[in-house]
Amino acid sequence: MASYLTPEQDQRLRRWESINKSYFIFAFLAMIGLLVFSSQLGLSSGDSWGPLGVLLAALIVPIIVLQLRLKCPACEHSIGWQAKLMAPDQCRHCGVFLRARR
């Protein structure tokens, strides 16, 4: 029999998806801005990309942390890279459906 998340578990998962998607959009736009205006902002030159590299890494690291913190609300098993911007349809570990019946 198929098992689904409780409303509280589903809400927690949707909150993670919302935070993850919002940060990804922010980081994407910030990276485009940094790359386009890096020379005007004095962050890069033909010889050195040091400050720009640090800023780009500071934008990317939270994406990795958000991905690795995702756990199945039912079994608490790490979903990690199984998810992209959204949670997968089903947990590989316990089989619970992570997409609500609608």
PDB file of N, CA and C in Angstrom:
ATOM      1  N   MET A   1       0.841  -1.185   0.000  1.00  0.00           N
ATOM      2  CA  MET A   1       0.000   0.000   0.000  1.00  0.00           C
ATOM      3  C   MET A   1       0.884   1.245   0.000  1.00  0.00           C
ATOM      4  N   ALA A   2       0.464   2.234  -0.752  1.00  0.00           N
ATOM      5  CA  ALA A   2       1.229   3.473  -0.852  1.00  0.00           C
ATOM      6  C   ALA A   2       1.067   4.301   0.416  1.00  0.00           C
ATOM      7  N   SER A   3       2.168   4.815   0.908  1.00  0.00           N
ATOM      8  CA  SER A   3       2.093   5.695   2.066  1.00  0.00           C
ATOM      9  C   SER A   3       2.498   7.109   1.645  1.00  0.00           C
ATOM     10  N   TYR A   4       1.841   8.055   2.274  1.00  0.00           N
ATOM     11  CA  TYR A   4       2.068   9.456   1.959  1.00  0.00           C
ATOM     12  C   TYR A   4       2.475  10.195   3.218  1.00  0.00           C
ATOM     13  N   LEU A   5       2.996  11.386   3.039  1.00  0.00           N
ATOM     14  CA  LEU A   5       3.407  12.210   4.170  1.00  0.00           C
ATOM     15  C   LEU A   5       2.197  12.759   4.915  1.00  0.00           C
ATOM     16  N   THR A   6       2.389  13.006   6.187  1.00  0.00           N
ATOM     17  CA  THR A   6       1.350  13.702   6.954  1.00  0.00           C
ATOM     18  C   THR A   6       1.359  15.168   6.521  1.00  0.00           C
ATOM     19  N   PRO A   7       0.297  15.909   6.803  1.00  0.00           N
ATOM     20  CA  PRO A   7       0.289  17.339   6.427  1.00  0.00           C
ATOM     21  C   PRO A   7       1.467  18.126   7.013  1.00  0.00           C
ATOM     22  N   GLU A   8       1.879  17.796   8.232  1.00  0.00           N
ATOM     23  CA  GLU A   8       3.018  18.503   8.844  1.00  0.00           C
ATOM     24  C   GLU A   8       4.319  18.174   8.112  1.00  0.00           C
ATOM     25  N   GLN A   9       4.500  16.904   7.769  1.00  0.00           N
ATOM     26  CA  GLN A   9       5.706  16.503   7.046  1.00  0.00           C
ATOM     27  C   GLN A   9       5.726  17.133   5.663  1.00  0.00           C
ATOM     28  N   ASP A  10       4.571  17.153   5.005  1.00  0.00           N
ATOM     29  CA  ASP A  10       4.477  17.755   3.681  1.00  0.00           C
ATOM     30  C   ASP A  10       4.790  19.247   3.745  1.00  0.00           C
ATOM     31  N   GLN A  11       4.298  19.912   4.769  1.00  0.00           N
ATOM     32  CA  GLN A  11       4.561  21.350   4.923  1.00  0.00           C
ATOM     33  C   GLN A  11       6.058  21.610   5.115  1.00  0.00           C
ATOM     34  N   ARG A  12       6.720  20.772   5.912  1.00  0.00           N
ATOM     35  CA  ARG A  12       8.160  20.922   6.139  1.00  0.00           C
ATOM     36  C   ARG A  12       8.936  20.738   4.843  1.00  0.00           C
ATOM     37  N   LEU A  13       8.527  19.764   4.031  1.00  0.00           N
ATOM     38  CA  LEU A  13       9.195  19.512   2.756  1.00  0.00           C
ATOM     39  C   LEU A  13       8.966  20.653   1.777  1.00  0.00           C
ATOM     40  N   ARG A  14       7.752  21.174   1.711  1.00  0.00           N
ATOM     41  CA  ARG A  14       7.457  22.299   0.813  1.00  0.00           C
ATOM     42  C   ARG A  14       8.208  23.554   1.242  1.00  0.00           C
ATOM     43  N   ARG A  15       8.404  23.744   2.542  1.00  0.00           N
ATOM     44  CA  ARG A  15       9.175  24.892   3.024  1.00  0.00           C
ATOM     45  C   ARG A  15      10.623  24.780   2.533  1.00  0.00           C
ATOM     46  N   TRP A  16      11.206  23.568   2.599  1.00  0.00           N
ATOM     47  CA  TRP A  16      12.562  23.362   2.095  1.00  0.00           C
ATOM     48  C   TRP A  16      12.609  23.676   0.606  1.00  0.00           C
ATOM     49  N   GLU A  17      11.609  23.201  -0.153  1.00  0.00           N
ATOM     50  CA  GLU A  17      11.586  23.470  -1.585  1.00  0.00           C
ATOM     51  C   GLU A  17      11.518  24.968  -1.876  1.00  0.00           C
ATOM     52  N   SER A  18      10.709  25.667  -1.122  1.00  0.00           N
ATOM     53  CA  SER A  18      10.560  27.108  -1.321  1.00  0.00           C
ATOM     54  C   SER A  18      11.870  27.848  -1.026  1.00  0.00           C
ATOM     55  N   ILE A  19      12.503  27.506   0.078  1.00  0.00           N
ATOM     56  CA  ILE A  19      13.780  28.130   0.436  1.00  0.00           C
ATOM     57  C   ILE A  19      14.838  27.808  -0.614  1.00  0.00           C
ATOM     58  N   ASN A  20      14.906  26.548  -1.016  1.00  0.00           N
ATOM     59  CA  ASN A  20      15.894  26.106  -1.992  1.00  0.00           C
ATOM     60  C   ASN A  20      15.709  26.827  -3.325  1.00  0.00           C
ATOM     61  N   LYS A  21      14.469  26.899  -3.795  1.00  0.00           N
ATOM     62  CA  LYS A  21      14.198  27.553  -5.077  1.00  0.00           C
ATOM     63  C   LYS A  21      14.487  29.050  -5.004  1.00  0.00           C
ATOM     64  N   SER A  22      14.078  29.682  -3.918  1.00  0.00           N
ATOM     65  CA  SER A  22      14.322  31.124  -3.770  1.00  0.00           C
ATOM     66  C   SER A  22      15.807  31.443  -3.723  1.00  0.00           C
ATOM     67  N   TYR A  23      16.573  30.651  -2.968  1.00  0.00           N
ATOM     68  CA  TYR A  23      18.011  30.912  -2.900  1.00  0.00           C
ATOM     69  C   TYR A  23      18.674  30.650  -4.241  1.00  0.00           C
ATOM     70  N   PHE A  24      18.245  29.602  -4.953  1.00  0.00           N
ATOM     71  CA  PHE A  24      18.834  29.315  -6.255  1.00  0.00           C
ATOM     72  C   PHE A  24      18.625  30.479  -7.218  1.00  0.00           C
ATOM     73  N   ILE A  25      17.412  31.040  -7.233  1.00  0.00           N
ATOM     74  CA  ILE A  25      17.134  32.178  -8.113  1.00  0.00           C
ATOM     75  C   ILE A  25      17.995  33.375  -7.716  1.00  0.00           C
ATOM     76  N   PHE A  26      18.082  33.657  -6.403  1.00  0.00           N
ATOM     77  CA  PHE A  26      18.927  34.757  -5.931  1.00  0.00           C
ATOM     78  C   PHE A  26      20.383  34.537  -6.338  1.00  0.00           C
ATOM     79  N   ALA A  27      20.910  33.335  -6.108  1.00  0.00           N
ATOM     80  CA  ALA A  27      22.315  33.055  -6.413  1.00  0.00           C
ATOM     81  C   ALA A  27      22.574  33.146  -7.919  1.00  0.00           C
ATOM     82  N   PHE A  28      21.640  32.657  -8.709  1.00  0.00           N
ATOM     83  CA  PHE A  28      21.802  32.718 -10.168  1.00  0.00           C
ATOM     84  C   PHE A  28      21.882  34.161 -10.648  1.00  0.00           C
ATOM     85  N   LEU A  29      20.950  34.986 -10.175  1.00  0.00           N
ATOM     86  CA  LEU A  29      20.966  36.397 -10.579  1.00  0.00           C
ATOM     87  C   LEU A  29      22.201  37.123 -10.044  1.00  0.00           C
ATOM     88  N   ALA A  30      22.600  36.808  -8.818  1.00  0.00           N
ATOM     89  CA  ALA A  30      23.796  37.436  -8.250  1.00  0.00           C
ATOM     90  C   ALA A  30      25.044  37.031  -9.022  1.00  0.00           C
ATOM     91  N   MET A  31      25.133  35.758  -9.419  1.00  0.00           N
ATOM     92  CA  MET A  31      26.298  35.315 -10.192  1.00  0.00           C
ATOM     93  C   MET A  31      26.344  35.995 -11.550  1.00  0.00           C
ATOM     94  N   ILE A  32      25.203  36.133 -12.200  1.00  0.00           N
ATOM     95  CA  ILE A  32      25.174  36.828 -13.489  1.00  0.00           C
ATOM     96  C   ILE A  32      25.633  38.272 -13.300  1.00  0.00           C
ATOM     97  N   GLY A  33      25.102  38.938 -12.275  1.00  0.00           N
ATOM     98  CA  GLY A  33      25.522  40.312 -11.998  1.00  0.00           C
ATOM     99  C   GLY A  33      27.004  40.417 -11.705  1.00  0.00           C
ATOM    100  N   LEU A  34      27.513  39.500 -10.902  1.00  0.00           N
ATOM    101  CA  LEU A  34      28.946  39.522 -10.581  1.00  0.00           C
ATOM    102  C   LEU A  34      29.803  39.296 -11.819  1.00  0.00           C
ATOM    103  N   LEU A  35      29.412  38.336 -12.628  1.00  0.00           N
ATOM    104  CA  LEU A  35      30.213  38.039 -13.818  1.00  0.00           C
ATOM    105  C   LEU A  35      30.149  39.168 -14.843  1.00  0.00           C
ATOM    106  N   VAL A  36      28.990  39.772 -15.002  1.00  0.00           N
ATOM    107  CA  VAL A  36      28.848  40.855 -15.983  1.00  0.00           C
ATOM    108  C   VAL A  36      29.590  42.109 -15.530  1.00  0.00           C
ATOM    109  N   PHE A  37      29.471  42.434 -14.236  1.00  0.00           N
ATOM    110  CA  PHE A  37      30.038  43.698 -13.758  1.00  0.00           C
ATOM    111  C   PHE A  37      31.322  43.530 -12.954  1.00  0.00           C
ATOM    112  N   SER A  38      31.946  42.358 -12.989  1.00  0.00           N
ATOM    113  CA  SER A  38      33.119  42.113 -12.144  1.00  0.00           C
ATOM    114  C   SER A  38      34.276  43.061 -12.441  1.00  0.00           C
ATOM    115  N   SER A  39      34.530  43.352 -13.700  1.00  0.00           N
ATOM    116  CA  SER A  39      35.652  44.248 -13.988  1.00  0.00           C
ATOM    117  C   SER A  39      35.327  45.691 -13.588  1.00  0.00           C
ATOM    118  N   GLN A  40      34.069  46.109 -13.745  1.00  0.00           N
ATOM    119  CA  GLN A  40      33.689  47.458 -13.337  1.00  0.00           C
ATOM    120  C   GLN A  40      33.713  47.607 -11.815  1.00  0.00           C
ATOM    121  N   LEU A  41      33.410  46.514 -11.102  1.00  0.00           N
ATOM    122  CA  LEU A  41      33.427  46.543  -9.641  1.00  0.00           C
ATOM    123  C   LEU A  41      34.831  46.353  -9.074  1.00  0.00           C
ATOM    124  N   GLY A  42      35.789  46.084  -9.948  1.00  0.00           N
ATOM    125  CA  GLY A  42      37.165  45.891  -9.501  1.00  0.00           C
ATOM    126  C   GLY A  42      37.405  44.523  -8.878  1.00  0.00           C
ATOM    127  N   LEU A  43      36.555  43.554  -9.195  1.00  0.00           N
ATOM    128  CA  LEU A  43      36.691  42.221  -8.611  1.00  0.00           C
ATOM    129  C   LEU A  43      37.587  41.299  -9.421  1.00  0.00           C
ATOM    130  N   SER A  44      37.781  41.621 -10.671  1.00  0.00           N
ATOM    131  CA  SER A  44      38.642  40.770 -11.493  1.00  0.00           C
ATOM    132  C   SER A  44      39.395  41.622 -12.495  1.00  0.00           C
ATOM    133  N   SER A  45      40.464  41.061 -12.937  1.00  0.00           N
ATOM    134  CA  SER A  45      41.249  41.682 -13.993  1.00  0.00           C
ATOM    135  C   SER A  45      41.800  40.551 -14.848  1.00  0.00           C
ATOM    136  N   GLY A  46      42.586  40.900 -15.813  1.00  0.00           N
ATOM    137  CA  GLY A  46      43.180  39.874 -16.657  1.00  0.00           C
ATOM    138  C   GLY A  46      44.122  38.959 -15.898  1.00  0.00           C
ATOM    139  N   ASP A  47      44.670  39.455 -14.797  1.00  0.00           N
ATOM    140  CA  ASP A  47      45.662  38.687 -14.051  1.00  0.00           C
ATOM    141  C   ASP A  47      45.092  37.957 -12.838  1.00  0.00           C
ATOM    142  N   SER A  48      44.107  38.534 -12.195  1.00  0.00           N
ATOM    143  CA  SER A  48      43.637  37.981 -10.923  1.00  0.00           C
ATOM    144  C   SER A  48      42.119  37.871 -10.872  1.00  0.00           C
ATOM    145  N   TRP A  49      41.654  36.709 -10.440  1.00  0.00           N
ATOM    146  CA  TRP A  49      40.225  36.482 -10.235  1.00  0.00           C
ATOM    147  C   TRP A  49      39.946  36.161  -8.772  1.00  0.00           C
ATOM    148  N   GLY A  50      40.883  36.431  -7.893  1.00  0.00           N
ATOM    149  CA  GLY A  50      40.775  36.064  -6.484  1.00  0.00           C
ATOM    150  C   GLY A  50      39.500  36.511  -5.797  1.00  0.00           C
ATOM    151  N   PRO A  51      39.211  37.814  -5.712  1.00  0.00           N
ATOM    152  CA  PRO A  51      37.999  38.260  -5.002  1.00  0.00           C
ATOM    153  C   PRO A  51      36.710  37.739  -5.652  1.00  0.00           C
ATOM    154  N   LEU A  52      36.691  37.675  -6.974  1.00  0.00           N
ATOM    155  CA  LEU A  52      35.509  37.180  -7.667  1.00  0.00           C
ATOM    156  C   LEU A  52      35.297  35.698  -7.369  1.00  0.00           C
ATOM    157  N   GLY A  53      36.371  34.935  -7.342  1.00  0.00           N
ATOM    158  CA  GLY A  53      36.269  33.507  -7.031  1.00  0.00           C
ATOM    159  C   GLY A  53      35.721  33.260  -5.639  1.00  0.00           C
ATOM    160  N   VAL A  54      36.149  34.073  -4.694  1.00  0.00           N
ATOM    161  CA  VAL A  54      35.659  33.931  -3.318  1.00  0.00           C
ATOM    162  C   VAL A  54      34.160  34.238  -3.262  1.00  0.00           C
ATOM    163  N   LEU A  55      33.732  35.293  -3.937  1.00  0.00           N
ATOM    164  CA  LEU A  55      32.303  35.637  -3.944  1.00  0.00           C
ATOM    165  C   LEU A  55      31.464  34.567  -4.633  1.00  0.00           C
ATOM    166  N   LEU A  56      31.956  34.026  -5.730  1.00  0.00           N
ATOM    167  CA  LEU A  56      31.228  32.955  -6.416  1.00  0.00           C
ATOM    168  C   LEU A  56      31.129  31.714  -5.532  1.00  0.00           C
ATOM    169  N   ALA A  57      32.199  31.368  -4.861  1.00  0.00           N
ATOM    170  CA  ALA A  57      32.167  30.220  -3.947  1.00  0.00           C
ATOM    171  C   ALA A  57      31.191  30.463  -2.800  1.00  0.00           C
ATOM    172  N   ALA A  58      31.156  31.698  -2.304  1.00  0.00           N
ATOM    173  CA  ALA A  58      30.233  32.027  -1.212  1.00  0.00           C
ATOM    174  C   ALA A  58      28.778  31.924  -1.666  1.00  0.00           C
ATOM    175  N   LEU A  59      28.506  32.095  -2.943  1.00  0.00           N
ATOM    176  CA  LEU A  59      27.151  31.930  -3.462  1.00  0.00           C
ATOM    177  C   LEU A  59      26.808  30.462  -3.713  1.00  0.00           C
ATOM    178  N   ILE A  60      27.793  29.653  -4.047  1.00  0.00           N
ATOM    179  CA  ILE A  60      27.554  28.253  -4.406  1.00  0.00           C
ATOM    180  C   ILE A  60      27.489  27.337  -3.188  1.00  0.00           C
ATOM    181  N   VAL A  61      28.290  27.576  -2.182  1.00  0.00           N
ATOM    182  CA  VAL A  61      28.344  26.695  -1.007  1.00  0.00           C
ATOM    183  C   VAL A  61      26.978  26.525  -0.337  1.00  0.00           C
ATOM    184  N   PRO A  62      26.168  27.576  -0.144  1.00  0.00           N
ATOM    185  CA  PRO A  62      24.848  27.358   0.470  1.00  0.00           C
ATOM    186  C   PRO A  62      23.936  26.430  -0.342  1.00  0.00           C
ATOM    187  N   ILE A  63      24.082  26.427  -1.660  1.00  0.00           N
ATOM    188  CA  ILE A  63      23.286  25.510  -2.485  1.00  0.00           C
ATOM    189  C   ILE A  63      23.640  24.071  -2.137  1.00  0.00           C
ATOM    190  N   ILE A  64      24.924  23.792  -1.999  1.00  0.00           N
ATOM    191  CA  ILE A  64      25.373  22.439  -1.641  1.00  0.00           C
ATOM    192  C   ILE A  64      24.881  22.066  -0.250  1.00  0.00           C
ATOM    193  N   VAL A  65      24.978  22.993   0.690  1.00  0.00           N
ATOM    194  CA  VAL A  65      24.529  22.724   2.065  1.00  0.00           C
ATOM    195  C   VAL A  65      23.027  22.449   2.093  1.00  0.00           C
ATOM    196  N   LEU A  66      22.238  23.240   1.371  1.00  0.00           N
ATOM    197  CA  LEU A  66      20.790  23.016   1.323  1.00  0.00           C
ATOM    198  C   LEU A  66      20.464  21.636   0.771  1.00  0.00           C
ATOM    199  N   GLN A  67      21.165  21.234  -0.281  1.00  0.00           N
ATOM    200  CA  GLN A  67      20.923  19.912  -0.863  1.00  0.00           C
ATOM    201  C   GLN A  67      21.247  18.793   0.127  1.00  0.00           C
ATOM    202  N   LEU A  68      22.372  18.906   0.787  1.00  0.00           N
ATOM    203  CA  LEU A  68      22.799  17.821   1.674  1.00  0.00           C
ATOM    204  C   LEU A  68      22.002  17.767   2.971  1.00  0.00           C
ATOM    205  N   ARG A  69      21.318  18.845   3.337  1.00  0.00           N
ATOM    206  CA  ARG A  69      20.520  18.855   4.575  1.00  0.00           C
ATOM    207  C   ARG A  69      19.152  18.221   4.399  1.00  0.00           C
ATOM    208  N   LEU A  70      18.702  18.024   3.164  1.00  0.00           N
ATOM    209  CA  LEU A  70      17.362  17.475   2.935  1.00  0.00           C
ATOM    210  C   LEU A  70      17.290  16.027   3.381  1.00  0.00           C
ATOM    211  N   LYS A  71      16.319  15.741   4.235  1.00  0.00           N
ATOM    212  CA  LYS A  71      16.074  14.388   4.714  1.00  0.00           C
ATOM    213  C   LYS A  71      14.612  14.043   4.464  1.00  0.00           C
ATOM    214  N   CYS A  72      14.334  12.762   4.282  1.00  0.00           N
ATOM    215  CA  CYS A  72      12.963  12.302   4.124  1.00  0.00           C
ATOM    216  C   CYS A  72      12.222  12.587   5.429  1.00  0.00           C
ATOM    217  N   PRO A  73      11.097  13.277   5.381  1.00  0.00           N
ATOM    218  CA  PRO A  73      10.367  13.575   6.619  1.00  0.00           C
ATOM    219  C   PRO A  73       9.830  12.319   7.313  1.00  0.00           C
ATOM    220  N   ALA A  74       9.656  11.232   6.578  1.00  0.00           N
ATOM    221  CA  ALA A  74       9.098  10.021   7.172  1.00  0.00           C
ATOM    222  C   ALA A  74      10.162   9.176   7.871  1.00  0.00           C
ATOM    223  N   CYS A  75      11.309   8.965   7.221  1.00  0.00           N
ATOM    224  CA  CYS A  75      12.323   8.066   7.792  1.00  0.00           C
ATOM    225  C   CYS A  75      13.603   8.776   8.200  1.00  0.00           C
ATOM    226  N   GLU A  76      13.720  10.074   7.909  1.00  0.00           N
ATOM    227  CA  GLU A  76      14.903  10.883   8.237  1.00  0.00           C
ATOM    228  C   GLU A  76      16.167  10.425   7.501  1.00  0.00           C
ATOM    229  N   HIS A  77      16.016   9.634   6.442  1.00  0.00           N
ATOM    230  CA  HIS A  77      17.161   9.220   5.627  1.00  0.00           C
ATOM    231  C   HIS A  77      17.526  10.367   4.698  1.00  0.00           C
ATOM    232  N   SER A  78      18.801  10.597   4.505  1.00  0.00           N
ATOM    233  CA  SER A  78      19.261  11.702   3.669  1.00  0.00           C
ATOM    234  C   SER A  78      18.853  11.481   2.211  1.00  0.00           C
ATOM    235  N   ILE A  79      18.203  12.485   1.639  1.00  0.00           N
ATOM    236  CA  ILE A  79      17.822  12.426   0.224  1.00  0.00           C
ATOM    237  C   ILE A  79      18.945  13.015  -0.619  1.00  0.00           C
ATOM    238  N   GLY A  80      19.567  14.072  -0.115  1.00  0.00           N
ATOM    239  CA  GLY A  80      20.738  14.667  -0.748  1.00  0.00           C
ATOM    240  C   GLY A  80      20.580  14.974  -2.210  1.00  0.00           C
ATOM    241  N   TRP A  81      21.447  14.404  -3.060  1.00  0.00           N
ATOM    242  CA  TRP A  81      21.480  14.740  -4.471  1.00  0.00           C
ATOM    243  C   TRP A  81      20.361  14.086  -5.257  1.00  0.00           C
ATOM    244  N   GLN A  82      19.544  13.229  -4.612  1.00  0.00           N
ATOM    245  CA  GLN A  82      18.373  12.671  -5.292  1.00  0.00           C
ATOM    246  C   GLN A  82      17.414  13.812  -5.655  1.00  0.00           C
ATOM    247  N   ALA A  83      17.430  14.867  -4.872  1.00  0.00           N
ATOM    248  CA  ALA A  83      16.597  16.047  -5.138  1.00  0.00           C
ATOM    249  C   ALA A  83      17.379  17.030  -5.993  1.00  0.00           C
ATOM    250  N   LYS A  84      16.667  17.765  -6.797  1.00  0.00           N
ATOM    251  CA  LYS A  84      17.302  18.856  -7.539  1.00  0.00           C
ATOM    252  C   LYS A  84      16.809  20.154  -6.888  1.00  0.00           C
ATOM    253  N   LEU A  85      15.997  20.921  -7.580  1.00  0.00           N
ATOM    254  CA  LEU A  85      15.404  22.099  -6.933  1.00  0.00           C
ATOM    255  C   LEU A  85      14.190  21.710  -6.097  1.00  0.00           C
ATOM    256  N   MET A  86      13.568  20.611  -6.464  1.00  0.00           N
ATOM    257  CA  MET A  86      12.375  20.136  -5.772  1.00  0.00           C
ATOM    258  C   MET A  86      12.670  18.739  -5.215  1.00  0.00           C
ATOM    259  N   ALA A  87      11.878  18.346  -4.239  1.00  0.00           N
ATOM    260  CA  ALA A  87      12.036  17.005  -3.673  1.00  0.00           C
ATOM    261  C   ALA A  87      11.629  15.970  -4.717  1.00  0.00           C
ATOM    262  N   PRO A  88      12.223  14.782  -4.665  1.00  0.00           N
ATOM    263  CA  PRO A  88      11.838  13.735  -5.615  1.00  0.00           C
ATOM    264  C   PRO A  88      10.416  13.248  -5.342  1.00  0.00           C
ATOM    265  N   ASP A  89       9.881  12.462  -6.245  1.00  0.00           N
ATOM    266  CA  ASP A  89       8.519  11.954  -6.087  1.00  0.00           C
ATOM    267  C   ASP A  89       8.400  10.955  -4.946  1.00  0.00           C
ATOM    268  N   GLN A  90       9.469  10.194  -4.721  1.00  0.00           N
ATOM    269  CA  GLN A  90       9.406   9.123  -3.730  1.00  0.00           C
ATOM    270  C   GLN A  90      10.766   8.946  -3.074  1.00  0.00           C
ATOM    271  N   CYS A  91      10.762   8.602  -1.788  1.00  0.00           N
ATOM    272  CA  CYS A  91      12.003   8.319  -1.070  1.00  0.00           C
ATOM    273  C   CYS A  91      12.504   6.940  -1.482  1.00  0.00           C
ATOM    274  N   ARG A  92      13.760   6.841  -1.872  1.00  0.00           N
ATOM    275  CA  ARG A  92      14.342   5.550  -2.265  1.00  0.00           C
ATOM    276  C   ARG A  92      14.490   4.611  -1.080  1.00  0.00           C
ATOM    277  N   HIS A  93      14.642   5.177   0.098  1.00  0.00           N
ATOM    278  CA  HIS A  93      14.911   4.358   1.283  1.00  0.00           C
ATOM    279  C   HIS A  93      13.649   3.702   1.841  1.00  0.00           C
ATOM    280  N   CYS A  94      12.605   4.498   2.115  1.00  0.00           N
ATOM    281  CA  CYS A  94      11.400   3.950   2.753  1.00  0.00           C
ATOM    282  C   CYS A  94      10.215   3.816   1.802  1.00  0.00           C
ATOM    283  N   GLY A  95      10.288   4.413   0.622  1.00  0.00           N
ATOM    284  CA  GLY A  95       9.228   4.286  -0.365  1.00  0.00           C
ATOM    285  C   GLY A  95       8.053   5.228  -0.208  1.00  0.00           C
ATOM    286  N   VAL A  96       8.091   6.108   0.806  1.00  0.00           N
ATOM    287  CA  VAL A  96       6.979   7.032   0.991  1.00  0.00           C
ATOM    288  C   VAL A  96       6.948   8.034  -0.169  1.00  0.00           C
ATOM    289  N   PHE A  97       5.731   8.358  -0.591  1.00  0.00           N
ATOM    290  CA  PHE A  97       5.582   9.333  -1.673  1.00  0.00           C
ATOM    291  C   PHE A  97       5.753  10.736  -1.092  1.00  0.00           C
ATOM    292  N   LEU A  98       6.629  11.511  -1.712  1.00  0.00           N
ATOM    293  CA  LEU A  98       6.917  12.863  -1.239  1.00  0.00           C
ATOM    294  C   LEU A  98       6.075  13.908  -1.951  1.00  0.00           C
ATOM    295  N   ARG A  99       5.329  13.492  -2.926  1.00  0.00           N
ATOM    296  CA  ARG A  99       4.391  14.360  -3.632  1.00  0.00           C
ATOM    297  C   ARG A  99       3.004  14.001  -3.135  1.00  0.00           C
ATOM    298  N   ALA A 100       2.281  14.984  -2.637  1.00  0.00           N
ATOM    299  CA  ALA A 100       0.964  14.743  -2.045  1.00  0.00           C
ATOM    300  C   ALA A 100      -0.058  14.352  -3.122  1.00  0.00           C
ATOM    301  N   ARG A 101      -1.024  13.537  -2.726  1.00  0.00           N
ATOM    302  CA  ARG A 101      -2.146  13.224  -3.606  1.00  0.00           C
ATOM    303  C   ARG A 101      -2.984  14.478  -3.736  1.00  0.00           C
ATOM    304  N   ARG A 102      -3.306  14.834  -4.952  1.00  0.00           N
ATOM    305  CA  ARG A 102      -4.144  16.022  -5.156  1.00  0.00           C
ATOM    306  C   ARG A 102      -5.170  15.720  -6.206  1.00  0.00           C
TER     307      ARG A 102
END
